[in-house]
Amino acid sequence: MSEQDQAELRLMFARLKQDHEDFDAAIAAMQATGCNRLQIQRMKKKKLAIRDRLKDIEDQIIPDIIA
């Protein structure tokens, strides 16, 4: 993987990590205000999808080392 590809993946990872934190804060605020449970569940589902993408990108950045 080239240096540019690595840099792009790291940038995407940072953006997604920020999105994940934003969703976390939004969910906490929604729960505190007593928002619709269905909306909260949808937000949690989106947050989990972001976490899965973060894991995929992390796996691309850090190669498996076979010992």
Protein backbone atom coordinates (compact mmCIF):
# COMPACT_ATOMS: atom_id res chain seq x y z
CA MET A 1 0.00 0.00 0.00
CA SER A 2 1.42 3.37 -0.99
CA GLU A 3 2.07 6.26 1.38
CA GLN A 4 -0.77 8.24 -0.20
CA ASP A 5 -3.22 5.38 0.29
CA GLN A 6 -2.12 5.09 3.92
CA ALA A 7 -2.62 8.83 4.43
CA GLU A 8 -6.10 8.71 2.87
CA LEU A 9 -7.09 5.78 5.06
CA ARG A 10 -5.82 7.55 8.17
CA LEU A 11 -7.76 10.68 7.24
CA MET A 12 -10.94 8.66 6.64
CA PHE A 13 -10.36 6.88 9.95
CA ALA A 14 -10.06 10.20 11.80
CA ARG A 15 -13.25 11.53 10.20
CA LEU A 16 -15.20 8.38 11.01
CA LYS A 17 -13.88 8.38 14.57
CA GLN A 18 -15.16 11.94 14.98
CA ASP A 19 -18.52 10.92 13.51
CA HIS A 20 -18.68 8.02 15.96
CA GLU A 21 -18.04 10.37 18.88
CA ASP A 22 -20.66 12.80 17.55
CA PHE A 23 -23.24 10.02 17.34
CA ASP A 24 -22.35 8.99 20.89
CA ALA A 25 -22.94 12.53 22.16
CA ALA A 26 -26.16 12.86 20.17
CA ILE A 27 -27.50 9.57 21.53
CA ALA A 28 -26.69 10.61 25.09
CA ALA A 29 -28.48 13.94 24.57
CA MET A 30 -31.49 12.22 23.03
CA GLN A 31 -31.71 9.81 25.95
CA ALA A 32 -31.42 12.66 28.45
CA THR A 33 -34.27 14.58 26.84
CA GLY A 34 -36.51 11.53 26.52
CA CYS A 35 -36.57 11.40 22.74
CA ASN A 36 -38.43 8.78 20.74
CA ARG A 37 -36.92 5.34 21.40
CA LEU A 38 -37.16 4.42 17.73
CA GLN A 39 -35.01 7.42 16.77
CA ILE A 40 -32.47 6.46 19.43
CA GLN A 41 -32.33 2.90 18.10
CA ARG A 42 -31.74 4.18 14.57
CA MET A 43 -28.92 6.40 15.80
CA LYS A 44 -27.35 3.46 17.63
CA LYS A 45 -27.56 1.34 14.48
CA LYS A 46 -25.77 4.06 12.48
CA LYS A 47 -23.15 4.33 15.22
CA LEU A 48 -22.52 0.58 15.03
CA ALA A 49 -22.16 0.77 11.24
CA ILE A 50 -19.54 3.48 11.67
CA ARG A 51 -17.72 1.34 14.24
CA ASP A 52 -17.67 -1.56 11.75
CA ARG A 53 -16.21 0.69 9.06
CA LEU A 54 -13.60 1.94 11.55
CA LYS A 55 -12.58 -1.65 12.27
CA ASP A 56 -12.30 -2.42 8.54
CA ILE A 57 -10.11 0.62 7.94
CA GLU A 58 -7.99 -0.18 10.98
CA ASP A 59 -7.42 -3.67 9.60
CA GLN A 60 -6.24 -2.16 6.31
CA ILE A 61 -3.88 0.27 8.04
CA ILE A 62 -2.37 -2.24 10.46
CA PRO A 63 -1.43 -5.43 8.61
CA ASP A 64 -1.72 -8.82 10.29
CA ILE A 65 1.58 -10.10 11.60
CA ILE A 66 1.88 -13.85 11.53
CA ALA A 67 4.16 -15.00 14.30
